[in-house]
């Protein structure tokens, strides 16, 4: 089923995300808290440079936004965007449609 969901996402119109970009995106949108580069790197067990490159792409696509951390000016927080929320809805719709197809027609 996971393969079918991913295949559906690959077929859709719009930019493709790498595995790193997709992992960062999903982490930001599924965990309700402030995210930093350092925190995302620790959470995903990858280097900060991997997160920075993923965020560069997500920012370019309008799926994430960086903002200054008012509590620590050395840190940058990652914010969600309307475009990112729309992509989450699209992903969810693809997953639901795929799951229903796997379950077969409703009785």
PDB file of N, CA and C in Angstrom:
ATOM      1  N   UNK A   1       0.822  -1.184   0.000  1.00  0.00           N
ATOM      2  CA  UNK A   1       0.000   0.000   0.000  1.00  0.00           C
ATOM      3  C   UNK A   1       0.875   1.261   0.000  1.00  0.00           C
ATOM      4  N   UNK A   2       1.965   1.256   0.770  1.00  0.00           N
ATOM      5  CA  UNK A   2       2.856   2.412   0.810  1.00  0.00           C
ATOM      6  C   UNK A   2       3.386   2.740  -0.586  1.00  0.00           C
ATOM      7  N   UNK A   3       3.738   1.698  -1.343  1.00  0.00           N
ATOM      8  CA  UNK A   3       4.220   1.901  -2.707  1.00  0.00           C
ATOM      9  C   UNK A   3       3.163   2.587  -3.551  1.00  0.00           C
ATOM     10  N   UNK A   4       1.903   2.188  -3.414  1.00  0.00           N
ATOM     11  CA  UNK A   4       0.823   2.787  -4.183  1.00  0.00           C
ATOM     12  C   UNK A   4       0.597   4.255  -3.786  1.00  0.00           C
ATOM     13  N   UNK A   5       0.708   4.556  -2.508  1.00  0.00           N
ATOM     14  CA  UNK A   5       0.568   5.947  -2.060  1.00  0.00           C
ATOM     15  C   UNK A   5       1.690   6.789  -2.659  1.00  0.00           C
ATOM     16  N   UNK A   6       2.918   6.312  -2.568  1.00  0.00           N
ATOM     17  CA  UNK A   6       4.056   7.064  -3.106  1.00  0.00           C
ATOM     18  C   UNK A   6       3.942   7.204  -4.620  1.00  0.00           C
ATOM     19  N   UNK A   7       3.529   6.140  -5.297  1.00  0.00           N
ATOM     20  CA  UNK A   7       3.349   6.212  -6.750  1.00  0.00           C
ATOM     21  C   UNK A   7       2.297   7.266  -7.099  1.00  0.00           C
ATOM     22  N   UNK A   8       1.235   7.331  -6.333  1.00  0.00           N
ATOM     23  CA  UNK A   8       0.206   8.348  -6.557  1.00  0.00           C
ATOM     24  C   UNK A   8       0.749   9.753  -6.374  1.00  0.00           C
ATOM     25  N   UNK A   9       1.618   9.938  -5.399  1.00  0.00           N
ATOM     26  CA  UNK A   9       2.221  11.247  -5.172  1.00  0.00           C
ATOM     27  C   UNK A   9       3.193  11.608  -6.292  1.00  0.00           C
ATOM     28  N   UNK A  10       3.898  10.617  -6.802  1.00  0.00           N
ATOM     29  CA  UNK A  10       4.852  10.856  -7.889  1.00  0.00           C
ATOM     30  C   UNK A  10       4.116  11.266  -9.160  1.00  0.00           C
ATOM     31  N   UNK A  11       2.942  10.701  -9.384  1.00  0.00           N
ATOM     32  CA  UNK A  11       2.172  10.977 -10.601  1.00  0.00           C
ATOM     33  C   UNK A  11       1.494  12.342 -10.594  1.00  0.00           C
ATOM     34  N   UNK A  12       1.332  12.926  -9.432  1.00  0.00           N
ATOM     35  CA  UNK A  12       0.601  14.183  -9.342  1.00  0.00           C
ATOM     36  C   UNK A  12       1.378  15.327  -9.976  1.00  0.00           C
ATOM     37  N   UNK A  13       0.660  16.365 -10.364  1.00  0.00           N
ATOM     38  CA  UNK A  13       1.311  17.575 -10.854  1.00  0.00           C
ATOM     39  C   UNK A  13       1.973  18.264  -9.674  1.00  0.00           C
ATOM     40  N   UNK A  14       3.081  18.900  -9.938  1.00  0.00           N
ATOM     41  CA  UNK A  14       3.777  19.623  -8.876  1.00  0.00           C
ATOM     42  C   UNK A  14       5.168  19.082  -8.678  1.00  0.00           C
ATOM     43  N   UNK A  15       5.932  19.761  -7.855  1.00  0.00           N
ATOM     44  CA  UNK A  15       7.328  19.378  -7.657  1.00  0.00           C
ATOM     45  C   UNK A  15       7.463  18.071  -6.890  1.00  0.00           C
ATOM     46  N   UNK A  16       8.521  17.359  -7.198  1.00  0.00           N
ATOM     47  CA  UNK A  16       8.833  16.122  -6.470  1.00  0.00           C
ATOM     48  C   UNK A  16       9.732  16.467  -5.287  1.00  0.00           C
ATOM     49  N   UNK A  17       9.558  15.739  -4.206  1.00  0.00           N
ATOM     50  CA  UNK A  17      10.400  15.917  -3.029  1.00  0.00           C
ATOM     51  C   UNK A  17      11.290  14.697  -2.853  1.00  0.00           C
ATOM     52  N   UNK A  18      12.531  14.935  -2.439  1.00  0.00           N
ATOM     53  CA  UNK A  18      13.425  13.826  -2.119  1.00  0.00           C
ATOM     54  C   UNK A  18      12.978  13.204  -0.801  1.00  0.00           C
ATOM     55  N   UNK A  19      13.555  12.082  -0.471  1.00  0.00           N
ATOM     56  CA  UNK A  19      13.221  11.426   0.798  1.00  0.00           C
ATOM     57  C   UNK A  19      13.549  12.336   1.981  1.00  0.00           C
ATOM     58  N   UNK A  20      14.695  13.014   1.929  1.00  0.00           N
ATOM     59  CA  UNK A  20      15.063  13.921   3.023  1.00  0.00           C
ATOM     60  C   UNK A  20      14.072  15.070   3.125  1.00  0.00           C
ATOM     61  N   UNK A  21      13.736  15.663   1.987  1.00  0.00           N
ATOM     62  CA  UNK A  21      12.796  16.776   1.990  1.00  0.00           C
ATOM     63  C   UNK A  21      11.422  16.340   2.498  1.00  0.00           C
ATOM     64  N   UNK A  22      10.993  15.173   2.065  1.00  0.00           N
ATOM     65  CA  UNK A  22       9.688  14.662   2.485  1.00  0.00           C
ATOM     66  C   UNK A  22       9.677  14.373   3.982  1.00  0.00           C
ATOM     67  N   UNK A  23      10.764  13.816   4.505  1.00  0.00           N
ATOM     68  CA  UNK A  23      10.851  13.526   5.942  1.00  0.00           C
ATOM     69  C   UNK A  23      10.805  14.810   6.762  1.00  0.00           C
ATOM     70  N   UNK A  24      11.535  15.835   6.329  1.00  0.00           N
ATOM     71  CA  UNK A  24      11.512  17.114   7.039  1.00  0.00           C
ATOM     72  C   UNK A  24      10.113  17.717   6.955  1.00  0.00           C
ATOM     73  N   UNK A  25       9.539  17.715   5.764  1.00  0.00           N
ATOM     74  CA  UNK A  25       8.200  18.261   5.569  1.00  0.00           C
ATOM     75  C   UNK A  25       7.189  17.584   6.494  1.00  0.00           C
ATOM     76  N   UNK A  26       7.156  16.260   6.474  1.00  0.00           N
ATOM     77  CA  UNK A  26       6.190  15.543   7.308  1.00  0.00           C
ATOM     78  C   UNK A  26       6.432  15.759   8.791  1.00  0.00           C
ATOM     79  N   UNK A  27       7.679  15.847   9.200  1.00  0.00           N
ATOM     80  CA  UNK A  27       7.980  16.105  10.613  1.00  0.00           C
ATOM     81  C   UNK A  27       7.437  17.463  11.035  1.00  0.00           C
ATOM     82  N   UNK A  28       7.674  18.478  10.220  1.00  0.00           N
ATOM     83  CA  UNK A  28       7.200  19.828  10.544  1.00  0.00           C
ATOM     84  C   UNK A  28       5.673  19.869  10.610  1.00  0.00           C
ATOM     85  N   UNK A  29       5.006  19.155   9.698  1.00  0.00           N
ATOM     86  CA  UNK A  29       3.548  19.241   9.617  1.00  0.00           C
ATOM     87  C   UNK A  29       2.809  18.249  10.504  1.00  0.00           C
ATOM     88  N   UNK A  30       3.478  17.250  11.034  1.00  0.00           N
ATOM     89  CA  UNK A  30       2.768  16.276  11.869  1.00  0.00           C
ATOM     90  C   UNK A  30       3.100  16.395  13.353  1.00  0.00           C
ATOM     91  N   UNK A  31       4.111  17.159  13.695  1.00  0.00           N
ATOM     92  CA  UNK A  31       4.465  17.350  15.100  1.00  0.00           C
ATOM     93  C   UNK A  31       4.192  18.797  15.493  1.00  0.00           C
ATOM     94  N   UNK A  32       3.205  18.968  16.368  1.00  0.00           N
ATOM     95  CA  UNK A  32       2.760  20.297  16.797  1.00  0.00           C
ATOM     96  C   UNK A  32       3.736  20.896  17.802  1.00  0.00           C
ATOM     97  N   UNK A  33       4.776  21.530  17.290  1.00  0.00           N
ATOM     98  CA  UNK A  33       5.711  22.250  18.152  1.00  0.00           C
ATOM     99  C   UNK A  33       6.613  23.082  17.263  1.00  0.00           C
ATOM    100  N   UNK A  34       7.394  23.963  17.875  1.00  0.00           N
ATOM    101  CA  UNK A  34       8.368  24.722  17.101  1.00  0.00           C
ATOM    102  C   UNK A  34       9.499  23.802  16.684  1.00  0.00           C
ATOM    103  N   UNK A  35       9.970  23.977  15.461  1.00  0.00           N
ATOM    104  CA  UNK A  35      11.065  23.162  14.941  1.00  0.00           C
ATOM    105  C   UNK A  35      12.247  24.055  14.609  1.00  0.00           C
ATOM    106  N   UNK A  36      13.440  23.570  14.939  1.00  0.00           N
ATOM    107  CA  UNK A  36      14.678  24.229  14.572  1.00  0.00           C
ATOM    108  C   UNK A  36      15.491  23.266  13.723  1.00  0.00           C
ATOM    109  N   UNK A  37      16.494  23.790  13.041  1.00  0.00           N
ATOM    110  CA  UNK A  37      17.372  22.934  12.249  1.00  0.00           C
ATOM    111  C   UNK A  37      18.015  21.895  13.155  1.00  0.00           C
ATOM    112  N   UNK A  38      18.517  22.336  14.292  1.00  0.00           N
ATOM    113  CA  UNK A  38      19.168  21.416  15.229  1.00  0.00           C
ATOM    114  C   UNK A  38      18.193  20.338  15.717  1.00  0.00           C
ATOM    115  N   UNK A  39      16.982  20.749  16.047  1.00  0.00           N
ATOM    116  CA  UNK A  39      15.981  19.793  16.522  1.00  0.00           C
ATOM    117  C   UNK A  39      15.551  18.800  15.451  1.00  0.00           C
ATOM    118  N   UNK A  40      15.374  19.285  14.231  1.00  0.00           N
ATOM    119  CA  UNK A  40      15.000  18.391  13.130  1.00  0.00           C
ATOM    120  C   UNK A  40      16.122  17.396  12.844  1.00  0.00           C
ATOM    121  N   UNK A  41      17.366  17.873  12.882  1.00  0.00           N
ATOM    122  CA  UNK A  41      18.509  16.980  12.645  1.00  0.00           C
ATOM    123  C   UNK A  41      18.563  15.890  13.709  1.00  0.00           C
ATOM    124  N   UNK A  42      18.344  16.256  14.952  1.00  0.00           N
ATOM    125  CA  UNK A  42      18.357  15.260  16.036  1.00  0.00           C
ATOM    126  C   UNK A  42      17.191  14.289  15.888  1.00  0.00           C
ATOM    127  N   UNK A  43      16.018  14.809  15.574  1.00  0.00           N
ATOM    128  CA  UNK A  43      14.819  13.982  15.428  1.00  0.00           C
ATOM    129  C   UNK A  43      14.976  12.957  14.309  1.00  0.00           C
ATOM    130  N   UNK A  44      15.528  13.392  13.175  1.00  0.00           N
ATOM    131  CA  UNK A  44      15.657  12.513  12.016  1.00  0.00           C
ATOM    132  C   UNK A  44      17.004  11.784  11.962  1.00  0.00           C
ATOM    133  N   UNK A  45      17.889  12.105  12.914  1.00  0.00           N
ATOM    134  CA  UNK A  45      19.215  11.460  13.002  1.00  0.00           C
ATOM    135  C   UNK A  45      20.019  11.646  11.712  1.00  0.00           C
ATOM    136  N   UNK A  46      20.043  12.907  11.257  1.00  0.00           N
ATOM    137  CA  UNK A  46      20.858  13.296  10.109  1.00  0.00           C
ATOM    138  C   UNK A  46      21.607  14.576  10.488  1.00  0.00           C
ATOM    139  N   UNK A  47      22.511  14.998   9.623  1.00  0.00           N
ATOM    140  CA  UNK A  47      23.295  16.201   9.918  1.00  0.00           C
ATOM    141  C   UNK A  47      22.458  17.469   9.717  1.00  0.00           C
ATOM    142  N   UNK A  48      22.919  18.539  10.348  1.00  0.00           N
ATOM    143  CA  UNK A  48      22.245  19.823  10.177  1.00  0.00           C
ATOM    144  C   UNK A  48      22.303  20.285   8.720  1.00  0.00           C
ATOM    145  N   UNK A  49      23.376  19.943   8.015  1.00  0.00           N
ATOM    146  CA  UNK A  49      23.475  20.361   6.608  1.00  0.00           C
ATOM    147  C   UNK A  49      22.408  19.666   5.753  1.00  0.00           C
ATOM    148  N   UNK A  50      22.067  18.428   6.085  1.00  0.00           N
ATOM    149  CA  UNK A  50      20.988  17.728   5.371  1.00  0.00           C
ATOM    150  C   UNK A  50      19.670  18.477   5.573  1.00  0.00           C
ATOM    151  N   UNK A  51      19.419  18.898   6.796  1.00  0.00           N
ATOM    152  CA  UNK A  51      18.189  19.633   7.110  1.00  0.00           C
ATOM    153  C   UNK A  51      18.187  20.978   6.395  1.00  0.00           C
ATOM    154  N   UNK A  52      19.313  21.669   6.419  1.00  0.00           N
ATOM    155  CA  UNK A  52      19.408  22.976   5.779  1.00  0.00           C
ATOM    156  C   UNK A  52      19.123  22.879   4.289  1.00  0.00           C
ATOM    157  N   UNK A  53      19.699  21.892   3.622  1.00  0.00           N
ATOM    158  CA  UNK A  53      19.450  21.709   2.184  1.00  0.00           C
ATOM    159  C   UNK A  53      17.980  21.377   1.926  1.00  0.00           C
ATOM    160  N   UNK A  54      17.396  20.515   2.757  1.00  0.00           N
ATOM    161  CA  UNK A  54      15.975  20.170   2.598  1.00  0.00           C
ATOM    162  C   UNK A  54      15.108  21.410   2.809  1.00  0.00           C
ATOM    163  N   UNK A  55      15.421  22.206   3.826  1.00  0.00           N
ATOM    164  CA  UNK A  55      14.640  23.415   4.092  1.00  0.00           C
ATOM    165  C   UNK A  55      14.811  24.448   2.990  1.00  0.00           C
ATOM    166  N   UNK A  56      15.996  24.517   2.389  1.00  0.00           N
ATOM    167  CA  UNK A  56      16.194  25.425   1.255  1.00  0.00           C
ATOM    168  C   UNK A  56      15.177  25.098   0.158  1.00  0.00           C
ATOM    169  N   UNK A  57      15.050  23.824  -0.167  1.00  0.00           N
ATOM    170  CA  UNK A  57      14.125  23.387  -1.222  1.00  0.00           C
ATOM    171  C   UNK A  57      12.670  23.615  -0.796  1.00  0.00           C
ATOM    172  N   UNK A  58      12.330  23.234   0.433  1.00  0.00           N
ATOM    173  CA  UNK A  58      10.962  23.417   0.913  1.00  0.00           C
ATOM    174  C   UNK A  58      10.579  24.897   0.935  1.00  0.00           C
ATOM    175  N   UNK A  59      11.525  25.752   1.293  1.00  0.00           N
ATOM    176  CA  UNK A  59      11.286  27.193   1.297  1.00  0.00           C
ATOM    177  C   UNK A  59      11.079  27.695  -0.124  1.00  0.00           C
ATOM    178  N   UNK A  60      11.931  27.248  -1.053  1.00  0.00           N
ATOM    179  CA  UNK A  60      11.793  27.645  -2.460  1.00  0.00           C
ATOM    180  C   UNK A  60      10.426  27.253  -3.019  1.00  0.00           C
ATOM    181  N   UNK A  61       9.904  26.116  -2.567  1.00  0.00           N
ATOM    182  CA  UNK A  61       8.606  25.621  -3.042  1.00  0.00           C
ATOM    183  C   UNK A  61       7.427  26.243  -2.292  1.00  0.00           C
ATOM    184  N   UNK A  62       7.708  27.029  -1.262  1.00  0.00           N
ATOM    185  CA  UNK A  62       6.644  27.633  -0.467  1.00  0.00           C
ATOM    186  C   UNK A  62       5.998  26.685   0.522  1.00  0.00           C
ATOM    187  N   UNK A  63       6.671  25.576   0.825  1.00  0.00           N
ATOM    188  CA  UNK A  63       6.112  24.568   1.735  1.00  0.00           C
ATOM    189  C   UNK A  63       6.557  24.761   3.173  1.00  0.00           C
ATOM    190  N   UNK A  64       7.525  25.623   3.393  1.00  0.00           N
ATOM    191  CA  UNK A  64       8.004  25.946   4.743  1.00  0.00           C
ATOM    192  C   UNK A  64       8.562  27.362   4.703  1.00  0.00           C
ATOM    193  N   UNK A  65       8.684  27.930   5.877  1.00  0.00           N
ATOM    194  CA  UNK A  65       9.219  29.282   5.991  1.00  0.00           C
ATOM    195  C   UNK A  65      10.125  29.323   7.217  1.00  0.00           C
ATOM    196  N   UNK A  66      11.221  30.018   7.098  1.00  0.00           N
ATOM    197  CA  UNK A  66      12.116  30.219   8.236  1.00  0.00           C
ATOM    198  C   UNK A  66      11.780  31.554   8.883  1.00  0.00           C
ATOM    199  N   UNK A  67      11.893  31.585  10.219  1.00  0.00           N
ATOM    200  CA  UNK A  67      11.693  32.852  10.930  1.00  0.00           C
ATOM    201  C   UNK A  67      12.641  32.883  12.125  1.00  0.00           C
ATOM    202  N   UNK A  68      12.994  34.077  12.536  1.00  0.00           N
ATOM    203  CA  UNK A  68      13.884  34.221  13.685  1.00  0.00           C
ATOM    204  C   UNK A  68      13.209  33.716  14.946  1.00  0.00           C
ATOM    205  N   UNK A  69      13.990  33.080  15.800  1.00  0.00           N
ATOM    206  CA  UNK A  69      13.507  32.623  17.102  1.00  0.00           C
ATOM    207  C   UNK A  69      13.623  33.792  18.069  1.00  0.00           C
ATOM    208  N   UNK A  70      12.504  34.327  18.559  1.00  0.00           N
ATOM    209  CA  UNK A  70      12.581  35.481  19.466  1.00  0.00           C
ATOM    210  C   UNK A  70      13.281  35.152  20.788  1.00  0.00           C
ATOM    211  N   UNK A  71      13.296  33.892  21.162  1.00  0.00           N
ATOM    212  CA  UNK A  71      13.926  33.490  22.428  1.00  0.00           C
ATOM    213  C   UNK A  71      15.434  33.279  22.290  1.00  0.00           C
ATOM    214  N   UNK A  72      15.899  33.044  21.063  1.00  0.00           N
ATOM    215  CA  UNK A  72      17.325  32.773  20.833  1.00  0.00           C
ATOM    216  C   UNK A  72      17.664  33.246  19.422  1.00  0.00           C
ATOM    217  N   UNK A  73      18.255  34.417  19.324  1.00  0.00           N
ATOM    218  CA  UNK A  73      18.519  35.020  18.016  1.00  0.00           C
ATOM    219  C   UNK A  73      19.500  34.222  17.170  1.00  0.00           C
ATOM    220  N   UNK A  74      20.202  33.266  17.769  1.00  0.00           N
ATOM    221  CA  UNK A  74      21.114  32.410  17.002  1.00  0.00           C
ATOM    222  C   UNK A  74      20.367  31.289  16.307  1.00  0.00           C
ATOM    223  N   UNK A  75      19.137  31.087  16.681  1.00  0.00           N
ATOM    224  CA  UNK A  75      18.348  29.965  16.175  1.00  0.00           C
ATOM    225  C   UNK A  75      17.273  30.449  15.207  1.00  0.00           C
ATOM    226  N   UNK A  76      16.896  29.559  14.291  1.00  0.00           N
ATOM    227  CA  UNK A  76      15.847  29.852  13.320  1.00  0.00           C
ATOM    228  C   UNK A  76      14.743  28.807  13.495  1.00  0.00           C
ATOM    229  N   UNK A  77      13.516  29.284  13.528  1.00  0.00           N
ATOM    230  CA  UNK A  77      12.367  28.385  13.631  1.00  0.00           C
ATOM    231  C   UNK A  77      11.809  28.116  12.242  1.00  0.00           C
ATOM    232  N   UNK A  78      11.235  26.949  12.075  1.00  0.00           N
ATOM    233  CA  UNK A  78      10.610  26.562  10.811  1.00  0.00           C
ATOM    234  C   UNK A  78       9.103  26.662  10.980  1.00  0.00           C
ATOM    235  N   UNK A  79       8.473  27.398  10.076  1.00  0.00           N
ATOM    236  CA  UNK A  79       7.021  27.597  10.128  1.00  0.00           C
ATOM    237  C   UNK A  79       6.345  26.902   8.963  1.00  0.00           C
ATOM    238  N   UNK A  80       5.095  26.566   9.172  1.00  0.00           N
ATOM    239  CA  UNK A  80       4.257  25.976   8.130  1.00  0.00           C
ATOM    240  C   UNK A  80       3.713  27.081   7.234  1.00  0.00           C
ATOM    241  N   UNK A  81       3.231  26.686   6.056  1.00  0.00           N
ATOM    242  CA  UNK A  81       2.632  27.638   5.124  1.00  0.00           C
ATOM    243  C   UNK A  81       1.290  27.102   4.628  1.00  0.00           C
ATOM    244  N   UNK A  82       0.513  27.976   4.018  1.00  0.00           N
ATOM    245  CA  UNK A  82      -0.761  27.539   3.433  1.00  0.00           C
ATOM    246  C   UNK A  82      -0.524  26.497   2.337  1.00  0.00           C
ATOM    247  N   UNK A  83       0.506  26.695   1.522  1.00  0.00           N
ATOM    248  CA  UNK A  83       0.828  25.722   0.467  1.00  0.00           C
ATOM    249  C   UNK A  83       1.201  24.376   1.079  1.00  0.00           C
ATOM    250  N   UNK A  84       1.917  24.400   2.188  1.00  0.00           N
ATOM    251  CA  UNK A  84       2.280  23.155   2.865  1.00  0.00           C
ATOM    252  C   UNK A  84       1.066  22.439   3.404  1.00  0.00           C
ATOM    253  N   UNK A  85       0.135  23.193   3.991  1.00  0.00           N
ATOM    254  CA  UNK A  85      -1.102  22.581   4.485  1.00  0.00           C
ATOM    255  C   UNK A  85      -1.898  21.965   3.335  1.00  0.00           C
ATOM    256  N   UNK A  86      -1.894  22.634   2.185  1.00  0.00           N
ATOM    257  CA  UNK A  86      -2.598  22.101   1.019  1.00  0.00           C
ATOM    258  C   UNK A  86      -1.965  20.789   0.560  1.00  0.00           C
ATOM    259  N   UNK A  87      -0.631  20.713   0.597  1.00  0.00           N
ATOM    260  CA  UNK A  87       0.041  19.474   0.212  1.00  0.00           C
ATOM    261  C   UNK A  87      -0.274  18.352   1.205  1.00  0.00           C
ATOM    262  N   UNK A  88      -0.324  18.660   2.479  1.00  0.00           N
ATOM    263  CA  UNK A  88      -0.697  17.646   3.473  1.00  0.00           C
ATOM    264  C   UNK A  88      -2.095  17.110   3.164  1.00  0.00           C
ATOM    265  N   UNK A  89      -3.020  17.994   2.824  1.00  0.00           N
ATOM    266  CA  UNK A  89      -4.378  17.563   2.481  1.00  0.00           C
ATOM    267  C   UNK A  89      -4.365  16.671   1.244  1.00  0.00           C
ATOM    268  N   UNK A  90      -3.549  17.020   0.260  1.00  0.00           N
ATOM    269  CA  UNK A  90      -3.453  16.210  -0.950  1.00  0.00           C
ATOM    270  C   UNK A  90      -2.862  14.829  -0.646  1.00  0.00           C
ATOM    271  N   UNK A  91      -1.826  14.803   0.168  1.00  0.00           N
ATOM    272  CA  UNK A  91      -1.203  13.534   0.558  1.00  0.00           C
ATOM    273  C   UNK A  91      -2.204  12.671   1.316  1.00  0.00           C
ATOM    274  N   UNK A  92      -2.929  13.291   2.233  1.00  0.00           N
ATOM    275  CA  UNK A  92      -3.931  12.566   3.013  1.00  0.00           C
ATOM    276  C   UNK A  92      -5.005  11.992   2.100  1.00  0.00           C
ATOM    277  N   UNK A  93      -5.466  12.787   1.135  1.00  0.00           N
ATOM    278  CA  UNK A  93      -6.466  12.307   0.187  1.00  0.00           C
ATOM    279  C   UNK A  93      -5.965  11.127  -0.623  1.00  0.00           C
ATOM    280  N   UNK A  94      -4.713  11.202  -1.065  1.00  0.00           N
ATOM    281  CA  UNK A  94      -4.119  10.094  -1.818  1.00  0.00           C
ATOM    282  C   UNK A  94      -4.037   8.845  -0.959  1.00  0.00           C
ATOM    283  N   UNK A  95      -3.632   9.014   0.287  1.00  0.00           N
ATOM    284  CA  UNK A  95      -3.519   7.861   1.193  1.00  0.00           C
ATOM    285  C   UNK A  95      -4.885   7.239   1.468  1.00  0.00           C
ATOM    286  N   UNK A  96      -5.897   8.068   1.678  1.00  0.00           N
ATOM    287  CA  UNK A  96      -7.249   7.560   1.951  1.00  0.00           C
ATOM    288  C   UNK A  96      -7.793   6.818   0.732  1.00  0.00           C
ATOM    289  N   UNK A  97      -7.626   7.404  -0.444  1.00  0.00           N
ATOM    290  CA  UNK A  97      -8.099   6.751  -1.677  1.00  0.00           C
ATOM    291  C   UNK A  97      -7.405   5.416  -1.884  1.00  0.00           C
ATOM    292  N   UNK A  98      -6.112   5.393  -1.652  1.00  0.00           N
ATOM    293  CA  UNK A  98      -5.339   4.152  -1.810  1.00  0.00           C
ATOM    294  C   UNK A  98      -5.783   3.110  -0.790  1.00  0.00           C
ATOM    295  N   UNK A  99      -5.990   3.521   0.443  1.00  0.00           N
ATOM    296  CA  UNK A  99      -6.418   2.583   1.488  1.00  0.00           C
ATOM    297  C   UNK A  99      -7.784   1.990   1.147  1.00  0.00           C
ATOM    298  N   UNK A 100      -8.686   2.817   0.641  1.00  0.00           N
ATOM    299  CA  UNK A 100     -10.005   2.319   0.262  1.00  0.00           C
ATOM    300  C   UNK A 100      -9.910   1.316  -0.869  1.00  0.00           C
ATOM    301  N   UNK A 101      -9.032   1.583  -1.823  1.00  0.00           N
ATOM    302  CA  UNK A 101      -8.837   0.647  -2.940  1.00  0.00           C
ATOM    303  C   UNK A 101      -8.277  -0.676  -2.442  1.00  0.00           C
ATOM    304  N   UNK A 102      -7.412  -0.626  -1.454  1.00  0.00           N
ATOM    305  CA  UNK A 102      -6.825  -1.829  -0.897  1.00  0.00           C
ATOM    306  C   UNK A 102      -7.861  -2.634  -0.117  1.00  0.00           C
ATOM    307  N   UNK A 103      -8.774  -1.933   0.529  1.00  0.00           N
ATOM    308  CA  UNK A 103      -9.815  -2.598   1.327  1.00  0.00           C
ATOM    309  C   UNK A 103     -10.915  -3.176   0.444  1.00  0.00           C
ATOM    310  N   UNK A 104     -10.990  -2.717  -0.774  1.00  0.00           N
ATOM    311  CA  UNK A 104     -12.052  -3.174  -1.657  1.00  0.00           C
ATOM    312  C   UNK A 104     -13.277  -2.297  -1.511  1.00  0.00           C
ATOM    313  N   UNK A 105     -14.274  -2.502  -2.341  1.00  0.00           N
ATOM    314  CA  UNK A 105     -15.479  -1.665  -2.302  1.00  0.00           C
ATOM    315  C   UNK A 105     -16.248  -1.876  -1.003  1.00  0.00           C
ATOM    316  N   UNK A 106     -16.848  -0.792  -0.554  1.00  0.00           N
ATOM    317  CA  UNK A 106     -17.662  -0.855   0.669  1.00  0.00           C
ATOM    318  C   UNK A 106     -18.929  -1.666   0.384  1.00  0.00           C
ATOM    319  N   UNK A 107     -19.384  -2.350   1.394  1.00  0.00           N
ATOM    320  CA  UNK A 107     -20.597  -3.176   1.234  1.00  0.00           C
ATOM    321  C   UNK A 107     -21.824  -2.347   1.507  1.00  0.00           C
TER     322      UNK A 107
END
